[in-house]
Amino acid sequence: MTSATTAIRDPGPRPEAVATEAWLQAACETAVELAGATLLLPAHVDDPLPPRLSALLPLTALAGAYIPLSAGLESITVAWVAGEVGCRALAGALLGIGADEELPSSDVADAVGEVVNMLAGGVKSRMLPQVTPIGLGLPMFLHGWIEPGERLEIAARRIQVDRFETVVLVLRQRSSTRR
């Protein structure tokens, strides 16, 4: 046998060894870059959200797109959420539609889903040096809020996009062996 057939490929770092904060940092950097370069909207990361998110935001008024990323045996979900006006602004910017033009809700959901698909692609590119392989799922648009729990960790940062407050989220299921 040659050494090429007997070599075992190193799968790289285990995804659970990468902190949730690293995933969130990659998502925030990508969101700001995406807003400026693709959507042509000014954006910056705002102050971190407090651990008790519901004390700060009207969470039930938020909507946005969520997309799962599979990294080994772990699933990370990346989301970008905002109020209705913020979602319409993101969708309109992607579609090149002015703020005064009406956009059906289904088009808003599709466009925000595409924005989050691009966000996930950027997160994947940024995280590949730390975690391989990473696969992308399909985006889904949700109204409302997903509550963190004993087994669900949620990390979030506000991203100011133009004059709209948005929130980038990373959701991570905690395993019984990881805390």
N, C-alpha and C. Protein backbone atom coordinates (compact mmCIF):
# COMPACT_ATOMS: atom_id res chain seq x y z
N MET A 1 0.83 -1.18 0.00
CA MET A 1 0.00 0.00 0.00
C MET A 1 0.87 1.24 0.00
N THR A 2 0.40 2.24 -0.67
CA THR A 2 1.12 3.51 -0.67
C THR A 2 0.69 4.34 0.52
N SER A 3 1.49 5.34 0.83
CA SER A 3 1.14 6.19 1.97
C SER A 3 -0.13 6.99 1.71
N ALA A 4 -0.45 7.22 0.44
CA ALA A 4 -1.67 7.96 0.12
C ALA A 4 -2.92 7.16 0.48
N THR A 5 -2.86 5.85 0.35
CA THR A 5 -4.04 5.05 0.66
C THR A 5 -4.15 4.75 2.15
N THR A 6 -3.04 4.84 2.88
CA THR A 6 -3.10 4.54 4.31
C THR A 6 -3.25 5.80 5.17
N ALA A 7 -3.08 6.96 4.58
CA ALA A 7 -3.18 8.21 5.36
C ALA A 7 -4.62 8.43 5.79
N ILE A 8 -4.78 8.87 7.01
CA ILE A 8 -6.10 9.20 7.53
C ILE A 8 -6.22 10.71 7.50
N ARG A 9 -7.29 11.18 6.89
CA ARG A 9 -7.50 12.62 6.76
C ARG A 9 -7.89 13.21 8.11
N ASP A 10 -7.20 14.26 8.50
CA ASP A 10 -7.52 14.96 9.75
C ASP A 10 -8.79 15.77 9.52
N PRO A 11 -9.87 15.50 10.28
CA PRO A 11 -11.12 16.22 10.07
C PRO A 11 -11.09 17.65 10.57
N GLY A 12 -10.00 18.06 11.21
CA GLY A 12 -9.92 19.42 11.72
C GLY A 12 -10.52 19.52 13.11
N PRO A 13 -10.59 20.75 13.63
CA PRO A 13 -11.11 20.91 14.99
C PRO A 13 -12.55 20.46 15.10
N ARG A 14 -12.90 19.94 16.27
CA ARG A 14 -14.28 19.55 16.51
C ARG A 14 -15.12 20.81 16.67
N PRO A 15 -16.33 20.88 16.07
CA PRO A 15 -17.14 22.08 16.14
C PRO A 15 -17.51 22.47 17.55
N GLU A 16 -17.68 21.48 18.45
CA GLU A 16 -18.06 21.82 19.81
C GLU A 16 -16.93 22.52 20.55
N ALA A 17 -15.69 22.44 20.00
CA ALA A 17 -14.56 23.12 20.61
C ALA A 17 -14.53 24.61 20.24
N VAL A 18 -15.35 25.01 19.29
CA VAL A 18 -15.40 26.41 18.86
C VAL A 18 -16.51 27.11 19.63
N ALA A 19 -16.18 28.18 20.29
CA ALA A 19 -17.14 28.90 21.12
C ALA A 19 -18.28 29.49 20.30
N THR A 20 -19.44 29.56 20.91
CA THR A 20 -20.60 30.18 20.26
C THR A 20 -20.30 31.62 19.90
N GLU A 21 -19.52 32.30 20.73
CA GLU A 21 -19.15 33.69 20.47
C GLU A 21 -18.37 33.82 19.16
N ALA A 22 -17.56 32.83 18.81
CA ALA A 22 -16.83 32.86 17.54
C ALA A 22 -17.79 32.79 16.36
N TRP A 23 -18.83 31.96 16.48
CA TRP A 23 -19.85 31.88 15.43
C TRP A 23 -20.58 33.22 15.31
N LEU A 24 -20.91 33.82 16.46
CA LEU A 24 -21.61 35.11 16.45
C LEU A 24 -20.73 36.20 15.86
N GLN A 25 -19.46 36.22 16.20
CA GLN A 25 -18.54 37.21 15.64
C GLN A 25 -18.48 37.08 14.12
N ALA A 26 -18.40 35.85 13.63
CA ALA A 26 -18.38 35.63 12.18
C ALA A 26 -19.68 36.11 11.54
N ALA A 27 -20.81 35.88 12.21
CA ALA A 27 -22.11 36.31 11.68
C ALA A 27 -22.21 37.84 11.65
N CYS A 28 -21.75 38.49 12.70
CA CYS A 28 -21.81 39.96 12.75
C CYS A 28 -20.93 40.59 11.68
N GLU A 29 -19.71 40.10 11.56
CA GLU A 29 -18.80 40.62 10.53
C GLU A 29 -19.40 40.44 9.14
N THR A 30 -19.98 39.28 8.90
CA THR A 30 -20.59 39.01 7.60
C THR A 30 -21.79 39.90 7.37
N ALA A 31 -22.63 40.10 8.39
CA ALA A 31 -23.83 40.94 8.25
C ALA A 31 -23.46 42.37 7.87
N VAL A 32 -22.47 42.94 8.54
CA VAL A 32 -22.05 44.31 8.25
C VAL A 32 -21.48 44.40 6.83
N GLU A 33 -20.67 43.42 6.47
CA GLU A 33 -20.10 43.38 5.13
C GLU A 33 -21.19 43.22 4.06
N LEU A 34 -22.13 42.33 4.30
CA LEU A 34 -23.23 42.07 3.37
C LEU A 34 -24.11 43.30 3.22
N ALA A 35 -24.43 43.96 4.33
CA ALA A 35 -25.27 45.15 4.26
C ALA A 35 -24.61 46.23 3.41
N GLY A 36 -23.32 46.45 3.62
CA GLY A 36 -22.62 47.51 2.88
C GLY A 36 -22.35 47.17 1.43
N ALA A 37 -21.80 45.98 1.17
CA ALA A 37 -21.36 45.63 -0.18
C ALA A 37 -22.48 45.16 -1.10
N THR A 38 -23.44 44.43 -0.56
CA THR A 38 -24.49 43.86 -1.40
C THR A 38 -25.78 44.67 -1.34
N LEU A 39 -26.19 45.04 -0.14
CA LEU A 39 -27.45 45.76 0.02
C LEU A 39 -27.27 47.28 -0.11
N LEU A 40 -26.01 47.73 -0.09
CA LEU A 40 -25.68 49.15 -0.20
C LEU A 40 -26.32 49.98 0.91
N LEU A 41 -26.35 49.38 2.11
CA LEU A 41 -26.89 50.05 3.28
C LEU A 41 -25.79 50.17 4.34
N PRO A 42 -25.65 51.33 4.97
CA PRO A 42 -24.65 51.44 6.04
C PRO A 42 -25.05 50.56 7.22
N ALA A 43 -24.08 49.95 7.85
CA ALA A 43 -24.37 49.06 8.98
C ALA A 43 -23.20 49.04 9.95
N HIS A 44 -23.52 48.82 11.20
CA HIS A 44 -22.48 48.62 12.21
C HIS A 44 -23.06 47.78 13.35
N VAL A 45 -22.14 47.11 14.06
CA VAL A 45 -22.54 46.30 15.20
C VAL A 45 -22.77 47.25 16.37
N ASP A 46 -23.91 47.09 17.01
CA ASP A 46 -24.27 47.90 18.16
C ASP A 46 -23.79 47.22 19.43
N ASP A 47 -24.13 47.77 20.57
CA ASP A 47 -23.77 47.17 21.85
C ASP A 47 -24.31 45.75 21.93
N PRO A 48 -23.58 44.89 22.65
CA PRO A 48 -24.09 43.52 22.85
C PRO A 48 -25.44 43.55 23.57
N LEU A 49 -26.25 42.58 23.25
CA LEU A 49 -27.53 42.43 23.95
C LEU A 49 -27.29 41.80 25.31
N PRO A 50 -28.10 42.15 26.29
CA PRO A 50 -27.94 41.53 27.61
C PRO A 50 -28.37 40.07 27.57
N PRO A 51 -27.94 39.28 28.56
CA PRO A 51 -28.33 37.86 28.58
C PRO A 51 -29.85 37.66 28.56
N ARG A 52 -30.58 38.53 29.20
CA ARG A 52 -32.05 38.41 29.23
C ARG A 52 -32.61 39.28 28.12
N LEU A 53 -32.64 38.74 26.90
CA LEU A 53 -33.04 39.50 25.71
C LEU A 53 -34.46 40.04 25.80
N SER A 54 -35.36 39.28 26.38
CA SER A 54 -36.76 39.68 26.39
C SER A 54 -36.99 40.95 27.19
N ALA A 55 -36.06 41.33 28.06
CA ALA A 55 -36.19 42.56 28.83
C ALA A 55 -35.92 43.79 27.97
N LEU A 56 -35.30 43.59 26.82
CA LEU A 56 -34.86 44.71 26.00
C LEU A 56 -35.71 44.96 24.77
N LEU A 57 -36.10 43.90 24.08
CA LEU A 57 -36.75 44.04 22.79
C LEU A 57 -38.19 43.55 22.82
N PRO A 58 -39.04 44.11 21.97
CA PRO A 58 -40.38 43.52 21.79
C PRO A 58 -40.23 42.28 20.89
N LEU A 59 -39.81 41.19 21.48
CA LEU A 59 -39.40 40.01 20.72
C LEU A 59 -40.50 39.43 19.86
N THR A 60 -41.74 39.51 20.30
CA THR A 60 -42.82 38.93 19.52
C THR A 60 -43.06 39.71 18.23
N ALA A 61 -42.55 40.93 18.16
CA ALA A 61 -42.72 41.73 16.95
C ALA A 61 -41.63 41.47 15.92
N LEU A 62 -40.67 40.62 16.26
CA LEU A 62 -39.58 40.34 15.34
C LEU A 62 -39.95 39.24 14.36
N ALA A 63 -39.37 39.35 13.18
CA ALA A 63 -39.50 38.31 12.17
C ALA A 63 -38.15 38.23 11.47
N GLY A 64 -37.91 37.14 10.79
CA GLY A 64 -36.66 37.03 10.07
C GLY A 64 -36.44 35.62 9.58
N ALA A 65 -35.26 35.42 9.00
CA ALA A 65 -34.94 34.13 8.42
C ALA A 65 -33.87 33.44 9.25
N TYR A 66 -34.02 32.13 9.36
CA TYR A 66 -33.12 31.26 10.10
C TYR A 66 -32.60 30.20 9.14
N ILE A 67 -31.31 29.88 9.27
CA ILE A 67 -30.74 28.84 8.41
C ILE A 67 -29.80 27.97 9.24
N PRO A 68 -29.97 26.65 9.16
CA PRO A 68 -29.08 25.76 9.90
C PRO A 68 -27.76 25.53 9.18
N LEU A 69 -26.71 25.42 9.96
CA LEU A 69 -25.40 25.04 9.45
C LEU A 69 -25.02 23.75 10.18
N SER A 70 -24.68 22.72 9.43
CA SER A 70 -24.25 21.48 10.08
C SER A 70 -22.73 21.47 10.10
N ALA A 71 -22.21 21.27 11.28
CA ALA A 71 -20.76 21.24 11.47
C ALA A 71 -20.44 19.98 12.25
N GLY A 72 -20.07 18.94 11.52
CA GLY A 72 -19.85 17.66 12.17
C GLY A 72 -21.15 17.14 12.73
N LEU A 73 -21.17 16.80 14.00
CA LEU A 73 -22.37 16.31 14.65
C LEU A 73 -23.19 17.43 15.28
N GLU A 74 -22.72 18.65 15.15
CA GLU A 74 -23.38 19.78 15.79
C GLU A 74 -24.14 20.61 14.77
N SER A 75 -25.25 21.18 15.21
CA SER A 75 -26.04 22.06 14.37
C SER A 75 -26.06 23.45 14.98
N ILE A 76 -25.67 24.40 14.17
CA ILE A 76 -25.69 25.82 14.54
C ILE A 76 -26.72 26.46 13.63
N THR A 77 -27.55 27.33 14.16
CA THR A 77 -28.50 28.07 13.33
C THR A 77 -28.14 29.54 13.38
N VAL A 78 -28.08 30.17 12.22
CA VAL A 78 -27.79 31.59 12.11
C VAL A 78 -29.07 32.27 11.64
N ALA A 79 -29.38 33.42 12.23
CA ALA A 79 -30.59 34.14 11.86
C ALA A 79 -30.32 35.63 11.82
N TRP A 80 -31.15 36.32 11.03
CA TRP A 80 -31.13 37.78 11.00
C TRP A 80 -32.59 38.20 11.12
N VAL A 81 -32.93 38.88 12.20
CA VAL A 81 -34.31 39.25 12.48
C VAL A 81 -34.43 40.76 12.66
N ALA A 82 -35.64 41.25 12.48
CA ALA A 82 -35.93 42.68 12.63
C ALA A 82 -37.44 42.83 12.76
N GLY A 83 -37.86 44.04 13.00
CA GLY A 83 -39.28 44.35 12.94
C GLY A 83 -39.74 44.31 11.49
N GLU A 84 -41.03 44.48 11.27
CA GLU A 84 -41.56 44.41 9.91
C GLU A 84 -40.91 45.42 8.97
N VAL A 85 -40.71 46.64 9.44
CA VAL A 85 -40.11 47.68 8.60
C VAL A 85 -38.66 47.33 8.26
N GLY A 86 -37.93 46.79 9.24
CA GLY A 86 -36.55 46.39 8.99
C GLY A 86 -36.46 45.25 8.00
N CYS A 87 -37.35 44.26 8.11
CA CYS A 87 -37.37 43.15 7.14
C CYS A 87 -37.69 43.67 5.74
N ARG A 88 -38.63 44.57 5.65
CA ARG A 88 -38.98 45.15 4.34
C ARG A 88 -37.80 45.94 3.76
N ALA A 89 -37.05 46.62 4.62
CA ALA A 89 -35.88 47.38 4.16
C ALA A 89 -34.79 46.44 3.63
N LEU A 90 -34.52 45.34 4.35
CA LEU A 90 -33.54 44.36 3.88
C LEU A 90 -33.98 43.77 2.54
N ALA A 91 -35.25 43.39 2.46
CA ALA A 91 -35.78 42.79 1.22
C ALA A 91 -35.73 43.80 0.07
N GLY A 92 -36.19 45.01 0.33
CA GLY A 92 -36.20 46.03 -0.72
C GLY A 92 -34.81 46.34 -1.22
N ALA A 93 -33.83 46.39 -0.30
CA ALA A 93 -32.46 46.66 -0.71
C ALA A 93 -31.92 45.55 -1.60
N LEU A 94 -32.21 44.30 -1.26
CA LEU A 94 -31.75 43.18 -2.09
C LEU A 94 -32.40 43.22 -3.47
N LEU A 95 -33.68 43.56 -3.51
CA LEU A 95 -34.42 43.55 -4.77
C LEU A 95 -34.33 44.86 -5.55
N GLY A 96 -33.68 45.86 -4.96
CA GLY A 96 -33.55 47.14 -5.64
C GLY A 96 -34.86 47.91 -5.70
N ILE A 97 -35.69 47.73 -4.69
CA ILE A 97 -37.01 48.37 -4.66
C ILE A 97 -36.95 49.53 -3.66
N GLY A 98 -37.47 50.66 -4.05
CA GLY A 98 -37.49 51.83 -3.19
C GLY A 98 -38.39 51.65 -1.99
N ALA A 99 -38.13 52.45 -0.96
CA ALA A 99 -38.90 52.36 0.29
C ALA A 99 -40.37 52.67 0.09
N ASP A 100 -40.71 53.43 -0.94
CA ASP A 100 -42.12 53.80 -1.16
C ASP A 100 -42.89 52.77 -1.97
N GLU A 101 -42.21 51.75 -2.48
CA GLU A 101 -42.87 50.71 -3.27
C GLU A 101 -43.37 49.58 -2.35
N GLU A 102 -44.57 49.09 -2.64
CA GLU A 102 -45.17 48.01 -1.85
C GLU A 102 -44.56 46.68 -2.26
N LEU A 103 -44.31 45.83 -1.27
CA LEU A 103 -43.72 44.52 -1.49
C LEU A 103 -44.58 43.48 -0.77
N PRO A 104 -45.11 42.49 -1.50
CA PRO A 104 -45.93 41.46 -0.83
C PRO A 104 -45.13 40.72 0.25
N SER A 105 -45.81 40.28 1.29
CA SER A 105 -45.17 39.58 2.41
C SER A 105 -44.38 38.35 1.94
N SER A 106 -44.90 37.65 0.95
CA SER A 106 -44.19 36.46 0.46
C SER A 106 -42.86 36.85 -0.18
N ASP A 107 -42.81 38.00 -0.87
CA ASP A 107 -41.56 38.46 -1.46
C ASP A 107 -40.57 38.90 -0.39
N VAL A 108 -41.08 39.51 0.69
CA VAL A 108 -40.23 39.90 1.81
C VAL A 108 -39.60 38.64 2.42
N ALA A 109 -40.41 37.63 2.66
CA ALA A 109 -39.90 36.38 3.25
C ALA A 109 -38.86 35.73 2.34
N ASP A 110 -39.13 35.68 1.05
CA ASP A 110 -38.16 35.09 0.11
C ASP A 110 -36.86 35.87 0.07
N ALA A 111 -36.97 37.19 0.01
CA ALA A 111 -35.77 38.03 -0.09
C ALA A 111 -34.94 37.98 1.20
N VAL A 112 -35.60 38.04 2.35
CA VAL A 112 -34.86 37.96 3.61
C VAL A 112 -34.23 36.58 3.75
N GLY A 113 -34.92 35.55 3.27
CA GLY A 113 -34.33 34.21 3.25
C GLY A 113 -33.07 34.16 2.40
N GLU A 114 -33.08 34.85 1.28
CA GLU A 114 -31.89 34.90 0.43
C GLU A 114 -30.77 35.69 1.09
N VAL A 115 -31.11 36.78 1.77
CA VAL A 115 -30.10 37.55 2.50
C VAL A 115 -29.45 36.66 3.57
N VAL A 116 -30.25 35.89 4.28
CA VAL A 116 -29.71 35.01 5.32
C VAL A 116 -28.93 33.86 4.71
N ASN A 117 -29.30 33.42 3.53
CA ASN A 117 -28.51 32.41 2.84
C ASN A 117 -27.11 32.95 2.54
N MET A 118 -27.04 34.21 2.10
CA MET A 118 -25.73 34.85 1.87
C MET A 118 -24.98 35.03 3.19
N LEU A 119 -25.70 35.39 4.25
CA LEU A 119 -25.09 35.52 5.57
C LEU A 119 -24.47 34.20 5.99
N ALA A 120 -25.21 33.11 5.84
CA ALA A 120 -24.70 31.79 6.23
C ALA A 120 -23.48 31.40 5.40
N GLY A 121 -23.49 31.74 4.11
CA GLY A 121 -22.33 31.46 3.27
C GLY A 121 -21.09 32.20 3.75
N GLY A 122 -21.28 33.45 4.18
CA GLY A 122 -20.15 34.21 4.72
C GLY A 122 -19.66 33.65 6.05
N VAL A 123 -20.60 33.22 6.89
CA VAL A 123 -20.22 32.60 8.17
C VAL A 123 -19.43 31.33 7.89
N LYS A 124 -19.91 30.54 6.95
CA LYS A 124 -19.21 29.30 6.59
C LYS A 124 -17.78 29.60 6.15
N SER A 125 -17.60 30.59 5.28
CA SER A 125 -16.26 30.95 4.80
C SER A 125 -15.36 31.39 5.94
N ARG A 126 -15.90 32.16 6.86
CA ARG A 126 -15.10 32.65 7.99
C ARG A 126 -14.76 31.54 8.98
N MET A 127 -15.63 30.56 9.12
CA MET A 127 -15.43 29.52 10.12
C MET A 127 -14.68 28.29 9.60
N LEU A 128 -14.55 28.14 8.28
CA LEU A 128 -13.88 26.95 7.75
C LEU A 128 -12.46 26.75 8.26
N PRO A 129 -11.70 27.81 8.53
CA PRO A 129 -10.37 27.54 9.11
C PRO A 129 -10.44 26.88 10.49
N GLN A 130 -11.57 27.03 11.18
CA GLN A 130 -11.70 26.48 12.53
C GLN A 130 -12.51 25.19 12.57
N VAL A 131 -13.45 25.02 11.64
CA VAL A 131 -14.36 23.86 11.65
C VAL A 131 -14.55 23.37 10.22
N THR A 132 -14.30 22.09 9.99
CA THR A 132 -14.58 21.51 8.68
C THR A 132 -15.18 20.13 8.88
N PRO A 133 -16.06 19.72 8.04
CA PRO A 133 -16.77 20.50 7.02
C PRO A 133 -17.96 21.24 7.63
N ILE A 134 -18.50 22.19 6.89
CA ILE A 134 -19.71 22.91 7.29
C ILE A 134 -20.67 22.83 6.12
N GLY A 135 -21.88 22.38 6.38
CA GLY A 135 -22.92 22.32 5.36
C GLY A 135 -24.02 23.33 5.68
N LEU A 136 -24.66 23.84 4.64
CA LEU A 136 -25.76 24.79 4.81
C LEU A 136 -27.09 24.11 4.55
N GLY A 137 -28.08 24.45 5.37
CA GLY A 137 -29.44 23.99 5.15
C GLY A 137 -30.21 25.01 4.32
N LEU A 138 -31.52 24.94 4.42
CA LEU A 138 -32.39 25.88 3.70
C LEU A 138 -32.96 26.90 4.67
N PRO A 139 -33.04 28.15 4.24
CA PRO A 139 -33.57 29.18 5.15
C PRO A 139 -35.07 29.03 5.34
N MET A 140 -35.53 29.44 6.52
CA MET A 140 -36.97 29.50 6.78
C MET A 140 -37.27 30.85 7.42
N PHE A 141 -38.40 31.42 7.08
CA PHE A 141 -38.80 32.73 7.60
C PHE A 141 -39.81 32.52 8.72
N LEU A 142 -39.54 33.13 9.86
CA LEU A 142 -40.40 32.96 11.03
C LEU A 142 -40.82 34.31 11.59
N HIS A 143 -42.03 34.35 12.12
CA HIS A 143 -42.52 35.50 12.87
C HIS A 143 -42.49 35.10 14.34
N GLY A 144 -41.99 36.00 15.19
CA GLY A 144 -41.95 35.70 16.61
C GLY A 144 -40.55 35.42 17.08
N TRP A 145 -40.43 34.72 18.19
CA TRP A 145 -39.16 34.56 18.86
C TRP A 145 -38.99 33.13 19.32
N ILE A 146 -37.77 32.64 19.26
CA ILE A 146 -37.44 31.33 19.80
C ILE A 146 -36.80 31.57 21.16
N GLU A 147 -37.40 31.00 22.19
CA GLU A 147 -36.92 31.19 23.55
C GLU A 147 -35.72 30.28 23.85
N PRO A 148 -34.69 30.84 24.47
CA PRO A 148 -33.59 29.98 24.91
C PRO A 148 -34.08 29.10 26.06
N GLY A 149 -33.47 27.98 26.22
CA GLY A 149 -33.84 27.07 27.30
C GLY A 149 -32.61 26.39 27.86
N GLU A 150 -32.87 25.38 28.66
CA GLU A 150 -31.77 24.65 29.28
C GLU A 150 -30.84 24.04 28.24
N ARG A 151 -31.39 23.59 27.12
CA ARG A 151 -30.57 22.93 26.10
C ARG A 151 -30.35 23.78 24.86
N LEU A 152 -30.93 24.99 24.82
CA LEU A 152 -30.77 25.86 23.66
C LEU A 152 -30.09 27.16 24.07
N GLU A 153 -28.92 27.38 23.52
CA GLU A 153 -28.15 28.59 23.78
C GLU A 153 -28.40 29.56 22.62
N ILE A 154 -28.67 30.82 22.94
CA ILE A 154 -28.85 31.84 21.92
C ILE A 154 -27.90 32.99 22.22
N ALA A 155 -27.09 33.33 21.24
CA ALA A 155 -26.21 34.50 21.34
C ALA A 155 -26.69 35.51 20.30
N ALA A 156 -26.69 36.78 20.65
CA ALA A 156 -27.27 37.79 19.76
C ALA A 156 -26.51 39.10 19.85
N ARG A 157 -26.51 39.83 18.74
CA ARG A 157 -25.97 41.19 18.69
C ARG A 157 -26.89 42.04 17.83
N ARG A 158 -27.04 43.27 18.26
CA ARG A 158 -27.78 44.23 17.44
C ARG A 158 -26.88 44.69 16.30
N ILE A 159 -27.48 44.78 15.12
CA ILE A 159 -26.80 45.35 13.96
C ILE A 159 -27.67 46.51 13.48
N GLN A 160 -27.13 47.70 13.54
CA GLN A 160 -27.85 48.86 13.03
C GLN A 160 -27.65 48.89 11.52
N VAL A 161 -28.72 48.74 10.76
CA VAL A 161 -28.66 48.75 9.30
C VAL A 161 -29.46 49.96 8.83
N ASP A 162 -28.75 50.92 8.25
CA ASP A 162 -29.36 52.18 7.86
C ASP A 162 -30.00 52.77 9.12
N ARG A 163 -31.29 52.99 9.11
CA ARG A 163 -31.95 53.53 10.32
C ARG A 163 -32.77 52.47 11.06
N PHE A 164 -32.53 51.20 10.74
CA PHE A 164 -33.30 50.10 11.32
C PHE A 164 -32.44 49.26 12.24
N GLU A 165 -33.02 48.90 13.39
CA GLU A 165 -32.34 47.99 14.29
C GLU A 165 -32.67 46.56 13.88
N THR A 166 -31.65 45.77 13.71
CA THR A 166 -31.82 44.35 13.40
C THR A 166 -31.04 43.56 14.46
N VAL A 167 -31.25 42.27 14.48
CA VAL A 167 -30.54 41.41 15.43
C VAL A 167 -30.04 40.19 14.68
N VAL A 168 -28.75 39.90 14.85
CA VAL A 168 -28.16 38.67 14.32
C VAL A 168 -28.09 37.69 15.47
N LEU A 169 -28.53 36.47 15.21
CA LEU A 169 -28.60 35.43 16.23
C LEU A 169 -27.79 34.21 15.83
N VAL A 170 -27.26 33.53 16.83
CA VAL A 170 -26.69 32.20 16.66
C VAL A 170 -27.36 31.32 17.70
N LEU A 171 -28.01 30.27 17.24
CA LEU A 171 -28.68 29.31 18.12
C LEU A 171 -27.85 28.03 18.11
N ARG A 172 -27.65 27.47 19.29
CA ARG A 172 -26.83 26.26 19.39
C ARG A 172 -27.46 25.34 20.42
N GLN A 173 -27.71 24.13 19.99
CA GLN A 173 -28.25 23.11 20.89
C GLN A 173 -27.13 22.62 21.78
N ARG A 174 -27.36 22.67 23.08
CA ARG A 174 -26.36 22.17 24.02
C ARG A 174 -26.52 20.67 24.16
N SER A 175 -25.42 19.96 24.06
CA SER A 175 -25.48 18.52 24.31
C SER A 175 -25.36 18.29 25.80
N SER A 176 -25.65 17.09 26.23
CA SER A 176 -25.58 16.80 27.65
C SER A 176 -24.12 16.79 28.14
N THR A 177 -23.16 16.67 27.21
CA THR A 177 -21.75 16.64 27.60
C THR A 177 -21.09 18.00 27.48
N ARG A 178 -21.75 19.00 26.88
CA ARG A 178 -21.15 20.31 26.66
C ARG A 178 -21.94 21.37 27.40
N ARG A 179 -21.31 22.24 28.11
CA ARG A 179 -21.98 23.33 28.81
C ARG A 179 -21.29 24.62 28.57
